[in-house]
């Protein structure tokens, strides 16, 4: 495969609103022995992109300063130590950065084959959400068949994956979302009930929806404003997993609830983990999640494909939270 010397990219010229993004040109990255070079056909957008653009989520040491944490495309070159990938293979991958470009270099351990039956472009909607949901809901929170999962932000990319995976693996799913349309979309994906969080008495409605079964695991992206409510909703031995801080990082709680009801509060991020740590999650997702996708029981939920030259509009759309599922950028 012929590889050019330079490529088009989108850079953050100035921290702040989306208008600080600009089109630019850079050299195509060199490939280290343990990496593959991916010719990008689509980039999955994440709220982390918006945070980094605003200067609030810097890339880890050694990572590209370009936005973009997941891509799909075709293998354009392989490092000398790479086994299992060949030039021309369709691939999707988790990145620590560098997705907003025509080419990106990725550790081979963070690459996944495109599941059978999934369009190559739509595959960009899978890596970040599948790995995030698996490592948090099923690894850290240990969600088991027959338990009840509550997902805040059910219509997000993470939420739509969590609904499908939990339902496919035998759990009951409740969600919150911000509109009637989003709630309907969540229920169509398998949620037992979706509750509009803009309505009054959210905690009361969730308690009523949980019923006698209660709530065993909560996946939360809001954090501080929801923490006390989340803890009050959990069953004995319940688990709360925090994966974002959209509502703030600081709050005060009564710790006696954790002690007397033996609750667990945990959280994680993927980006700063080592390649081997990410690779272990990739292996688990390939073994446990990919077969569900190939069987048609789980699918990527794509709101819209946006050409890369409309990236500013795409960032405004993401921050307005009008989308359901993933927004994809196509270079």
Protein backbone atom coordinates (compact mmCIF):
# COMPACT_ATOMS: atom_id res chain seq x y z
CA UNK A 1 0.00 0.00 0.00
CA UNK A 2 1.45 3.35 -1.07
CA UNK A 3 1.85 5.64 1.93
CA UNK A 4 2.27 9.40 1.40
CA UNK A 5 4.81 11.49 3.30
CA UNK A 6 2.19 13.87 4.68
CA UNK A 7 -1.44 13.70 5.78
CA UNK A 8 -4.30 16.03 6.59
CA UNK A 9 -5.14 16.42 10.29
CA UNK A 10 -7.31 18.52 12.58
CA UNK A 11 -5.38 20.36 15.30
CA UNK A 12 -6.42 22.33 18.36
CA UNK A 13 -5.02 25.72 17.44
CA UNK A 14 -6.47 27.40 20.54
CA UNK A 15 -8.02 25.85 23.65
CA UNK A 16 -11.68 26.69 24.08
CA UNK A 17 -14.74 26.50 21.83
CA UNK A 18 -14.87 24.37 18.66
CA UNK A 19 -13.78 27.33 16.54
CA UNK A 20 -10.26 26.71 17.90
CA UNK A 21 -9.99 23.60 15.67
CA UNK A 22 -8.20 23.93 12.35
CA UNK A 23 -7.24 21.80 9.37
CA UNK A 24 -3.52 21.29 8.94
CA UNK A 25 -0.88 19.00 7.44
CA UNK A 26 1.62 16.80 9.25
CA UNK A 27 4.03 13.99 8.39
CA UNK A 28 2.53 10.51 8.40
CA UNK A 29 3.65 8.96 11.73
CA UNK A 30 6.46 6.42 11.84
CA UNK A 31 5.52 2.92 12.93
CA UNK A 32 7.28 1.41 15.94
CA UNK A 33 8.04 -2.33 15.95
CA UNK A 34 4.94 -3.14 18.03
CA UNK A 35 2.55 -0.85 16.12
CA UNK A 36 0.40 -0.87 13.02
CA UNK A 37 -0.28 2.12 10.79
CA UNK A 38 -3.98 2.57 10.09
CA UNK A 39 -5.34 4.43 7.07
CA UNK A 40 -8.33 6.00 8.79
CA UNK A 41 -11.81 5.83 7.28
CA UNK A 42 -13.71 7.02 10.37
CA UNK A 43 -13.12 8.44 13.84
CA UNK A 44 -15.51 7.91 16.73
CA UNK A 45 -16.11 11.17 18.60
CA UNK A 46 -16.13 11.18 22.41
CA UNK A 47 -16.73 13.82 25.05
CA UNK A 48 -13.07 13.43 25.93
CA UNK A 49 -12.35 15.12 22.58
CA UNK A 50 -14.32 18.17 23.71
CA UNK A 51 -12.58 18.18 27.09
CA UNK A 52 -9.14 18.02 25.48
CA UNK A 53 -10.10 20.77 23.04
CA UNK A 54 -10.97 22.97 26.02
CA UNK A 55 -7.59 22.21 27.63
CA UNK A 56 -9.06 20.07 30.43
CA UNK A 57 -7.94 16.57 29.40
CA UNK A 58 -4.32 16.56 28.21
CA UNK A 59 -3.00 13.45 26.45
CA UNK A 60 -0.84 11.09 28.51
CA UNK A 61 2.95 11.29 28.09
CA UNK A 62 4.08 10.05 24.69
CA UNK A 63 0.62 10.16 23.10
CA UNK A 64 -0.26 12.27 20.07
CA UNK A 65 -1.60 15.73 20.82
CA UNK A 66 -4.28 15.22 18.15
CA UNK A 67 -7.82 14.47 19.28
CA UNK A 68 -9.45 11.11 18.60
CA UNK A 69 -9.55 7.99 20.80
CA UNK A 70 -10.97 5.39 18.39
CA UNK A 71 -10.80 4.78 14.66
CA UNK A 72 -11.61 2.28 11.97
CA UNK A 73 -9.79 1.77 8.72
CA UNK A 74 -7.32 -0.41 6.88
CA UNK A 75 -3.87 -1.57 7.97
CA UNK A 76 -1.37 0.36 5.84
CA UNK A 77 1.87 -0.92 7.44
CA UNK A 78 2.93 -3.24 10.26
CA UNK A 79 5.86 -2.98 12.65
CA UNK A 80 8.62 -5.57 12.60
CA UNK A 81 7.43 -7.26 15.82
CA UNK A 82 3.73 -7.37 14.97
CA UNK A 83 2.07 -10.77 14.55
CA UNK A 84 -1.50 -11.33 13.39
CA UNK A 85 -2.00 -8.23 11.26
CA UNK A 86 -1.25 -7.74 7.56
CA UNK A 87 -1.40 -4.82 5.19
CA UNK A 88 -4.94 -4.45 3.87
CA UNK A 89 -6.71 -5.91 6.93
CA UNK A 90 -9.82 -4.05 8.08
CA UNK A 91 -9.33 -2.90 11.66
CA UNK A 92 -10.78 -0.82 14.44
CA UNK A 93 -8.65 0.41 17.32
CA UNK A 94 -8.49 2.18 20.66
CA UNK A 95 -6.08 5.13 20.74
CA UNK A 96 -4.53 7.36 23.38
CA UNK A 97 -4.81 10.16 20.80
CA UNK A 98 -4.15 10.85 17.13
CA UNK A 99 -7.44 9.84 15.50
CA UNK A 100 -8.24 13.16 13.81
CA UNK A 101 -5.95 12.37 10.89
CA UNK A 102 -5.76 10.40 7.67
CA UNK A 103 -3.26 7.98 9.22
CA UNK A 104 -2.56 6.98 12.82
CA UNK A 105 -0.05 4.63 14.45
CA UNK A 106 -1.58 2.26 17.03
CA UNK A 107 -0.11 -0.45 19.28
CA UNK A 108 -1.15 -3.77 17.76
CA UNK A 109 -2.43 -4.87 21.19
CA UNK A 110 -5.10 -2.16 20.98
CA UNK A 111 -6.45 -3.29 17.61
CA UNK A 112 -9.54 -5.39 16.93
CA UNK A 113 -10.83 -7.00 13.75
CA UNK A 114 -13.96 -5.42 12.32
CA UNK A 115 -16.81 -7.73 13.39
CA UNK A 116 -18.49 -9.69 10.61
CA UNK A 117 -21.57 -7.85 9.43
CA UNK A 118 -20.42 -4.40 10.61
CA UNK A 119 -19.67 -1.69 8.06
CA UNK A 120 -16.04 -0.53 8.13
CA UNK A 121 -17.04 3.09 8.83
CA UNK A 122 -19.50 2.15 11.58
CA UNK A 123 -16.83 0.03 13.27
CA UNK A 124 -15.26 3.28 14.50
CA UNK A 125 -18.21 3.50 16.92
CA UNK A 126 -17.14 0.34 18.77
CA UNK A 127 -13.70 0.33 20.45
CA UNK A 128 -14.00 3.06 23.09
CA UNK A 129 -17.56 2.22 24.11
CA UNK A 130 -17.14 -1.55 24.11
CA UNK A 131 -13.94 -1.45 26.16
CA UNK A 132 -15.28 1.18 28.56
CA UNK A 133 -18.50 -0.71 29.23
CA UNK A 134 -16.78 -4.07 29.59
CA UNK A 135 -14.04 -2.93 31.97
CA UNK A 136 -16.41 -0.89 34.15
CA UNK A 137 -19.73 -2.73 34.18
CA UNK A 138 -18.60 -6.34 33.88
CA UNK A 139 -15.06 -6.28 35.29
CA UNK A 140 -15.02 -3.61 38.02
CA UNK A 141 -18.73 -3.72 38.94
CA UNK A 142 -19.14 -7.47 38.32
CA UNK A 143 -22.67 -7.21 36.88
CA UNK A 144 -24.22 -10.69 36.88
CA UNK A 145 -27.19 -12.20 35.01
CA UNK A 146 -30.44 -11.43 36.79
CA UNK A 147 -29.15 -8.21 38.37
CA UNK A 148 -30.42 -4.72 37.58
CA UNK A 149 -28.18 -2.09 35.98
CA UNK A 150 -28.97 1.64 35.96
CA UNK A 151 -27.26 3.69 33.25
CA UNK A 152 -27.27 7.47 33.49
CA UNK A 153 -27.02 8.93 29.99
CA UNK A 154 -28.52 5.91 28.28
CA UNK A 155 -28.65 7.51 24.83
CA UNK A 156 -24.91 8.27 24.72
CA UNK A 157 -22.45 6.07 22.89
CA UNK A 158 -21.49 4.44 26.21
CA UNK A 159 -25.12 4.16 27.25
CA UNK A 160 -26.34 2.52 24.06
CA UNK A 161 -23.59 -0.09 24.32
CA UNK A 162 -24.23 -0.70 28.03
CA UNK A 163 -27.95 -1.26 27.44
CA UNK A 164 -27.35 -3.81 24.71
CA UNK A 165 -24.54 -5.71 26.41
CA UNK A 166 -26.24 -5.95 29.79
CA UNK A 167 -29.53 -7.05 28.22
CA UNK A 168 -27.79 -9.61 25.99
CA UNK A 169 -25.95 -11.07 28.99
CA UNK A 170 -29.08 -11.48 31.09
CA UNK A 171 -29.47 -8.33 33.16
CA UNK A 172 -32.36 -5.89 33.50
CA UNK A 173 -31.52 -2.34 32.45
CA UNK A 174 -32.96 0.99 33.59
CA UNK A 175 -31.73 4.25 32.08
CA UNK A 176 -32.04 7.99 32.35
CA UNK A 177 -32.02 10.21 29.26
CA UNK A 178 -32.80 13.82 28.42
CA UNK A 179 -35.84 13.67 26.12
CA UNK A 180 -38.80 11.52 25.16
CA UNK A 181 -37.07 10.67 21.87
CA UNK A 182 -33.93 9.53 23.66
CA UNK A 183 -35.93 7.48 26.16
CA UNK A 184 -37.79 5.75 23.33
CA UNK A 185 -34.48 4.94 21.60
CA UNK A 186 -33.11 3.40 24.80
CA UNK A 187 -36.17 1.21 25.25
CA UNK A 188 -35.91 0.10 21.62
CA UNK A 189 -32.36 -1.07 22.39
CA UNK A 190 -33.53 -3.22 25.29
CA UNK A 191 -33.92 -0.99 28.35
CA UNK A 192 -36.80 -2.10 30.57
CA UNK A 193 -37.59 1.52 31.36
CA UNK A 194 -36.14 4.91 30.41
CA UNK A 195 -36.79 7.95 32.60
CA UNK A 196 -36.44 11.55 31.47
CA UNK A 197 -34.02 13.12 33.95
CA UNK A 198 -35.45 16.57 33.20
CA UNK A 199 -38.64 15.60 35.00
CA UNK A 200 -39.24 16.20 38.71
CA UNK A 201 -38.34 13.68 41.42
CA UNK A 202 -35.85 11.63 39.45
CA UNK A 203 -34.87 9.59 42.51
CA UNK A 204 -38.50 8.77 43.26
CA UNK A 205 -39.20 7.67 39.71
CA UNK A 206 -36.07 5.51 39.67
CA UNK A 207 -37.03 3.92 42.97
CA UNK A 208 -40.47 3.11 41.61
CA UNK A 209 -39.01 1.71 38.38
CA UNK A 210 -36.52 -0.47 40.26
CA UNK A 211 -39.36 -2.03 42.26
CA UNK A 212 -38.73 -5.06 44.45
CA UNK A 213 -35.57 -6.01 42.53
CA UNK A 214 -33.83 -2.76 43.36
CA UNK A 215 -30.62 -1.64 41.64
CA UNK A 216 -27.39 -3.63 41.86
CA UNK A 217 -25.03 -1.61 39.63
CA UNK A 218 -25.08 2.03 38.51
CA UNK A 219 -22.98 3.35 35.62
CA UNK A 220 -22.71 7.12 36.04
CA UNK A 221 -21.18 9.92 33.98
CA UNK A 222 -22.61 12.85 35.99
CA UNK A 223 -20.73 12.31 39.29
CA UNK A 224 -21.03 14.91 42.06
CA UNK A 225 -24.70 16.00 41.78
CA UNK A 226 -25.90 12.39 41.48
CA UNK A 227 -23.67 10.74 44.06
CA UNK A 228 -25.97 10.87 47.11
CA UNK A 229 -28.97 9.80 45.02
CA UNK A 230 -27.04 6.94 43.46
CA UNK A 231 -25.96 5.61 46.83
CA UNK A 232 -29.52 5.78 48.15
CA UNK A 233 -30.77 3.72 45.18
CA UNK A 234 -28.31 0.84 45.46
CA UNK A 235 -29.17 -2.54 46.93
CA UNK A 236 -27.18 -4.11 49.74
CA UNK A 237 -23.72 -4.87 48.24
CA UNK A 238 -24.52 -2.47 45.38
CA UNK A 239 -21.79 -1.08 43.12
CA UNK A 240 -21.48 2.43 41.68
CA UNK A 241 -19.04 3.02 38.82
CA UNK A 242 -18.04 6.56 37.82
CA UNK A 243 -16.66 7.05 34.32
CA UNK A 244 -16.97 10.83 33.82
CA UNK A 245 -17.38 14.02 35.83
CA UNK A 246 -19.83 15.96 33.70
CA UNK A 247 -21.59 17.47 36.73
CA UNK A 248 -18.48 18.12 38.80
CA UNK A 249 -15.82 16.26 40.76
CA UNK A 250 -16.41 17.41 44.34
CA UNK A 251 -19.28 16.67 46.72
CA UNK A 252 -20.02 15.56 50.28
CA UNK A 253 -21.73 12.32 51.32
CA UNK A 254 -22.67 10.41 54.45
CA UNK A 255 -20.16 7.56 54.55
CA UNK A 256 -22.32 5.50 56.88
CA UNK A 257 -24.37 4.40 53.84
CA UNK A 258 -21.28 2.75 52.34
CA UNK A 259 -20.43 1.01 55.60
CA UNK A 260 -23.81 -0.30 56.71
CA UNK A 261 -25.00 -1.38 53.24
CA UNK A 262 -21.57 -2.58 52.13
CA UNK A 263 -21.58 -0.46 48.99
CA UNK A 264 -18.71 -0.14 46.53
CA UNK A 265 -17.85 3.12 44.77
CA UNK A 266 -15.26 2.83 42.04
CA UNK A 267 -14.30 4.41 38.75
CA UNK A 268 -11.76 4.28 35.98
CA UNK A 269 -10.45 5.75 32.77
CA UNK A 270 -8.92 3.89 29.83
CA UNK A 271 -6.68 6.49 28.26
CA UNK A 272 -3.87 6.55 30.81
CA UNK A 273 -3.58 2.75 31.15
CA UNK A 274 -0.56 0.95 29.77
CA UNK A 275 -0.67 -0.81 26.42
CA UNK A 276 -0.68 -4.18 28.15
CA UNK A 277 -3.55 -3.19 30.42
CA UNK A 278 -5.57 -1.99 27.44
CA UNK A 279 -4.60 -5.13 25.56
CA UNK A 280 -6.06 -7.30 28.31
CA UNK A 281 -9.40 -5.49 27.97
CA UNK A 282 -9.19 -5.82 24.18
CA UNK A 283 -8.75 -9.58 24.57
CA UNK A 284 -11.79 -9.83 26.84
CA UNK A 285 -13.94 -7.74 24.49
CA UNK A 286 -12.87 -9.79 21.49
CA UNK A 287 -13.80 -12.99 23.33
CA UNK A 288 -17.04 -11.88 25.01
CA UNK A 289 -18.47 -8.91 23.07
CA UNK A 290 -17.48 -9.48 19.43
CA UNK A 291 -19.49 -12.74 19.16
CA UNK A 292 -22.60 -10.87 20.34
CA UNK A 293 -22.06 -8.24 17.66
CA UNK A 294 -21.51 -10.85 14.96
CA UNK A 295 -24.68 -12.64 16.08
CA UNK A 296 -26.66 -9.40 15.69
CA UNK A 297 -27.51 -9.11 19.39
CA UNK A 298 -25.40 -5.97 19.86
CA UNK A 299 -24.75 -3.30 17.24
CA UNK A 300 -23.00 0.04 16.91
CA UNK A 301 -25.46 2.91 17.23
CA UNK A 302 -24.43 5.68 14.84
CA UNK A 303 -26.22 9.02 14.98
CA UNK A 304 -24.49 10.66 12.04
CA UNK A 305 -21.43 10.53 9.81
CA UNK A 306 -19.78 13.96 9.46
CA UNK A 307 -17.01 14.85 6.97
CA UNK A 308 -13.85 15.95 8.77
CA UNK A 309 -14.04 19.40 7.22
CA UNK A 310 -17.25 19.91 9.25
CA UNK A 311 -15.55 18.99 12.54
CA UNK A 312 -16.48 22.29 14.19
CA UNK A 313 -20.18 21.64 13.57
CA UNK A 314 -19.76 18.09 14.89
CA UNK A 315 -18.23 19.37 18.14
CA UNK A 316 -21.09 21.84 18.59
CA UNK A 317 -23.56 18.98 18.05
CA UNK A 318 -21.86 16.78 20.61
CA UNK A 319 -21.80 19.53 23.22
CA UNK A 320 -25.48 20.25 22.58
CA UNK A 321 -26.23 16.58 23.42
CA UNK A 322 -28.79 16.26 20.65
CA UNK A 323 -27.34 13.00 19.35
CA UNK A 324 -28.28 9.39 20.10
CA UNK A 325 -25.32 7.01 19.94
CA UNK A 326 -22.09 7.97 18.21
CA UNK A 327 -21.07 10.80 15.91
CA UNK A 328 -18.43 9.66 13.41
CA UNK A 329 -15.95 11.86 11.55
CA UNK A 330 -14.88 10.67 8.10
CA UNK A 331 -11.54 11.97 6.81
